[in-house]
C-alpha atoms as a PDB file:
ATOM      1  CA  MET A   1       6.315  -7.323 -16.858  1.00  0.00           C
ATOM      2  CA  LYS A   2       4.627  -9.039 -19.764  1.00  0.00           C
ATOM      3  CA  THR A   3       7.051 -11.109 -21.812  1.00  0.00           C
ATOM      4  CA  ALA A   4       5.018 -10.624 -24.979  1.00  0.00           C
ATOM      5  CA  ASN A   5       5.927  -6.939 -24.761  1.00  0.00           C
ATOM      6  CA  ILE A   6       9.681  -7.486 -24.909  1.00  0.00           C
ATOM      7  CA  PHE A   7      11.861  -8.261 -27.911  1.00  0.00           C
ATOM      8  CA  TYR A   8      13.313 -11.476 -26.430  1.00  0.00           C
ATOM      9  CA  HIS A   9      10.004 -13.013 -25.308  1.00  0.00           C
ATOM     10  CA  HIS A  10      10.340 -15.995 -27.641  1.00  0.00           C
ATOM     11  CA  LEU A  11      13.439 -17.131 -25.717  1.00  0.00           C
ATOM     12  CA  ILE A  12      11.667 -17.408 -22.352  1.00  0.00           C
ATOM     13  CA  ASP A  13       9.952 -20.600 -21.212  1.00  0.00           C
ATOM     14  CA  LEU A  14       8.947 -20.570 -17.563  1.00  0.00           C
ATOM     15  CA  SER A  15       7.050 -23.860 -17.531  1.00  0.00           C
ATOM     16  CA  ASP A  16       9.649 -25.483 -15.253  1.00  0.00           C
ATOM     17  CA  VAL A  17       9.443 -22.563 -12.826  1.00  0.00           C
ATOM     18  CA  ARG A  18       5.624 -22.714 -12.861  1.00  0.00           C
ATOM     19  CA  LYS A  19       5.787 -26.448 -12.148  1.00  0.00           C
ATOM     20  CA  LYS A  20       8.026 -25.875  -9.118  1.00  0.00           C
ATOM     21  CA  LEU A  21       5.802 -23.060  -7.851  1.00  0.00           C
ATOM     22  CA  ASN A  22       2.771 -25.318  -8.156  1.00  0.00           C
ATOM     23  CA  GLU A  23       4.488 -27.831  -5.871  1.00  0.00           C
ATOM     24  CA  LEU A  24       4.552 -25.258  -3.082  1.00  0.00           C
ATOM     25  CA  ASP A  25       1.652 -24.243  -0.891  1.00  0.00           C
ATOM     26  CA  LEU A  26       1.265 -20.749  -2.339  1.00  0.00           C
ATOM     27  CA  THR A  27      -1.627 -18.522  -3.237  1.00  0.00           C
ATOM     28  CA  GLU A  28      -2.129 -17.686  -6.890  1.00  0.00           C
ATOM     29  CA  GLU A  29      -1.163 -14.111  -6.074  1.00  0.00           C
ATOM     30  CA  ASP A  30       2.153 -15.312  -4.624  1.00  0.00           C
ATOM     31  CA  ARG A  31       2.833 -17.482  -7.684  1.00  0.00           C
ATOM     32  CA  VAL A  32       2.220 -14.546 -10.004  1.00  0.00           C
ATOM     33  CA  GLU A  33       4.444 -12.301  -7.893  1.00  0.00           C
ATOM     34  CA  LEU A  34       7.271 -14.847  -7.886  1.00  0.00           C
ATOM     35  CA  LEU A  35       7.013 -15.284 -11.663  1.00  0.00           C
ATOM     36  CA  GLU A  36       7.249 -11.516 -11.989  1.00  0.00           C
ATOM     37  CA  ILE A  37      10.422 -11.596  -9.906  1.00  0.00           C
ATOM     38  CA  VAL A  38      11.915 -14.186 -12.266  1.00  0.00           C
ATOM     39  CA  LEU A  39      10.992 -12.088 -15.315  1.00  0.00           C
ATOM     40  CA  LYS A  40      12.392  -8.914 -13.777  1.00  0.00           C
ATOM     41  CA  THR A  41      15.586 -10.718 -12.818  1.00  0.00           C
ATOM     42  CA  ILE A  42      15.957 -12.023 -16.367  1.00  0.00           C
ATOM     43  CA  HIS A  43      15.423  -8.510 -17.708  1.00  0.00           C
ATOM     44  CA  ILE A  44      18.019  -6.976 -15.385  1.00  0.00           C
ATOM     45  CA  GLU A  45      20.569  -9.717 -16.034  1.00  0.00           C
ATOM     46  CA  LEU A  46      19.974  -9.543 -19.779  1.00  0.00           C
ATOM     47  CA  THR A  47      20.373  -5.779 -19.833  1.00  0.00           C
ATOM     48  CA  HIS A  48      23.631  -6.189 -17.918  1.00  0.00           C
ATOM     49  CA  LEU A  49      24.827  -8.843 -20.396  1.00  0.00           C
ATOM     50  CA  ILE A  50      23.979  -6.633 -23.362  1.00  0.00           C
ATOM     51  CA  LEU A  51      25.738  -3.594 -21.929  1.00  0.00           C
ATOM     52  CA  ASN A  52      28.819  -5.700 -21.185  1.00  0.00           C
ATOM     53  CA  GLU A  53      28.887  -7.157 -24.692  1.00  0.00           C
ATOM     54  CA  LEU A  54      27.838  -4.093 -26.655  1.00  0.00           C
ATOM     55  CA  ASP A  55      30.330  -1.425 -27.653  1.00  0.00           C
ATOM     56  CA  SER A  56      29.830   1.532 -25.322  1.00  0.00           C
ATOM     57  CA  VAL A  57      29.090   3.884 -28.233  1.00  0.00           C
ATOM     58  CA  HIS A  58      25.762   2.004 -28.616  1.00  0.00           C
ATOM     59  CA  HIS A  59      24.717   1.996 -24.942  1.00  0.00           C
ATOM     60  CA  GLU A  60      22.675   5.184 -24.917  1.00  0.00           C
ATOM     61  CA  ASP A  61      20.822   4.367 -28.152  1.00  0.00           C
ATOM     62  CA  PHE A  62      20.141   0.811 -27.011  1.00  0.00           C
ATOM     63  CA  LEU A  63      18.780   1.879 -23.611  1.00  0.00           C
ATOM     64  CA  LEU A  64      16.645   4.593 -25.162  1.00  0.00           C
ATOM     65  CA  HIS A  65      15.216   2.171 -27.719  1.00  0.00           C
ATOM     66  CA  LEU A  66      14.654  -0.495 -25.046  1.00  0.00           C
ATOM     67  CA  THR A  67      12.793   2.012 -22.873  1.00  0.00           C
ATOM     68  CA  GLU A  68      10.644   3.475 -25.643  1.00  0.00           C
ATOM     69  CA  ARG A  69      10.051   0.364 -27.788  1.00  0.00           C
ATOM     70  CA  PRO A  70      10.868  -2.787 -25.780  1.00  0.00           C
ATOM     71  CA  HIS A  71       8.780  -4.952 -28.130  1.00  0.00           C
ATOM     72  CA  ASP A  72      10.610  -3.840 -31.291  1.00  0.00           C
ATOM     73  CA  HIS A  73      12.018  -6.833 -33.173  1.00  0.00           C
ATOM     74  CA  GLY A  74      14.661  -4.467 -34.553  1.00  0.00           C
ATOM     75  CA  LEU A  75      16.428  -4.661 -31.183  1.00  0.00           C
ATOM     76  CA  LEU A  76      16.875  -8.381 -31.619  1.00  0.00           C
ATOM     77  CA  VAL A  77      18.129  -7.951 -35.181  1.00  0.00           C
ATOM     78  CA  PHE A  78      20.608  -5.288 -34.033  1.00  0.00           C
ATOM     79  CA  LEU A  79      21.887  -7.359 -31.104  1.00  0.00           C
ATOM     80  CA  ASN A  80      22.208 -10.530 -33.198  1.00  0.00           C
ATOM     81  CA  ARG A  81      24.255  -8.521 -35.673  1.00  0.00           C
ATOM     82  CA  THR A  82      26.512  -6.821 -33.130  1.00  0.00           C
ATOM     83  CA  ILE A  83      26.991  -9.465 -30.390  1.00  0.00           C
ATOM     84  CA  ASP A  84      28.462 -12.847 -31.290  1.00  0.00           C
ATOM     85  CA  ASP A  85      26.121 -15.741 -30.422  1.00  0.00           C
ATOM     86  CA  PHE A  86      23.665 -13.326 -28.819  1.00  0.00           C
ATOM     87  CA  GLU A  87      20.644 -15.635 -28.643  1.00  0.00           C
ATOM     88  CA  GLU A  88      22.757 -18.502 -27.319  1.00  0.00           C
ATOM     89  CA  LYS A  89      24.095 -16.216 -24.583  1.00  0.00           C
ATOM     90  CA  VAL A  90      20.560 -15.111 -23.743  1.00  0.00           C
ATOM     91  CA  THR A  91      19.325 -18.692 -23.584  1.00  0.00           C
ATOM     92  CA  LEU A  92      22.177 -19.638 -21.236  1.00  0.00           C
ATOM     93  CA  LEU A  93      21.514 -16.589 -19.069  1.00  0.00           C
ATOM     94  CA  ILE A  94      17.801 -17.391 -18.807  1.00  0.00           C
ATOM     95  CA  SER A  95      18.599 -21.012 -17.909  1.00  0.00           C
ATOM     96  CA  ARG A  96      20.984 -19.853 -15.176  1.00  0.00           C
ATOM     97  CA  VAL A  97      18.457 -17.410 -13.682  1.00  0.00           C
ATOM     98  CA  LYS A  98      15.746 -20.079 -13.683  1.00  0.00           C
ATOM     99  CA  ALA A  99      18.073 -22.681 -12.137  1.00  0.00           C
ATOM    100  CA  ASP A 100      19.109 -20.238  -9.399  1.00  0.00           C
ATOM    101  CA  PHE A 101      15.481 -19.403  -8.686  1.00  0.00           C
ATOM    102  CA  ILE A 102      14.427 -23.059  -8.566  1.00  0.00           C
ATOM    103  CA  GLU A 103      17.348 -23.823  -6.243  1.00  0.00           C
ATOM    104  CA  SER A 104      16.215 -20.977  -3.989  1.00  0.00           C
ATOM    105  CA  LEU A 105      12.705 -22.432  -3.936  1.00  0.00           C
ATOM    106  CA  HIS A 106      14.118 -25.823  -2.999  1.00  0.00           C
ATOM    107  CA  ASP A 107      16.164 -24.260  -0.180  1.00  0.00           C
ATOM    108  CA  TYR A 108      13.077 -22.381   1.014  1.00  0.00           C
ATOM    109  CA  LYS A 109      10.932 -25.515   0.942  1.00  0.00           C
ATOM    110  CA  SER A 110      13.570 -27.572   2.790  1.00  0.00           C
ATOM    111  CA  ALA A 111      14.056 -24.891   5.447  1.00  0.00           C
ATOM    112  CA  SER A 112      10.282 -24.563   5.900  1.00  0.00           C
ATOM    113  CA  GLU A 113       9.810 -28.307   6.261  1.00  0.00           C
ATOM    114  CA  GLU A 114      12.673 -28.528   8.754  1.00  0.00           C
ATOM    115  CA  TRP A 115      11.317 -25.605  10.750  1.00  0.00           C
ATOM    116  CA  LEU A 116       7.817 -27.081  10.821  1.00  0.00           C
ATOM    117  CA  ALA A 117       9.215 -30.440  11.906  1.00  0.00           C
ATOM    118  CA  GLY A 118      11.356 -28.800  14.583  1.00  0.00           C
ATOM    119  CA  THR A 119      14.544 -30.134  12.992  1.00  0.00           C
ATOM    120  CA  PRO A 120      17.546 -27.811  13.207  1.00  0.00           C
ATOM    121  CA  ARG A 121      19.164 -26.928   9.914  1.00  0.00           C
ATOM    122  CA  GLU A 122      22.863 -27.764   9.475  1.00  0.00           C
END
């Protein structure tokens, strides 16, 4: 999923996630795959947020437009007009997804280090 091809791309900054991934002993392919997981998770969570906030009469049109023209700036204009504080909600959602992902990386790294050291995890 390329963020430049989606209407909310300007709200995504993954530099902190990239930094954390670079701290791990991963191949470039693994880093790219994990970044894709973060982007897909953001997309799923954001779609869920929008459908929860948007009046149900707009769901079908929104999903159709998102599927056919995900890059269309008109989606952002529409959502800003119909959902109170839309971009703020998106920014908070993205921050939460990134924080959860980084926490998962930390847990993974700690568990791996403990396993390699032969230390049982509590």
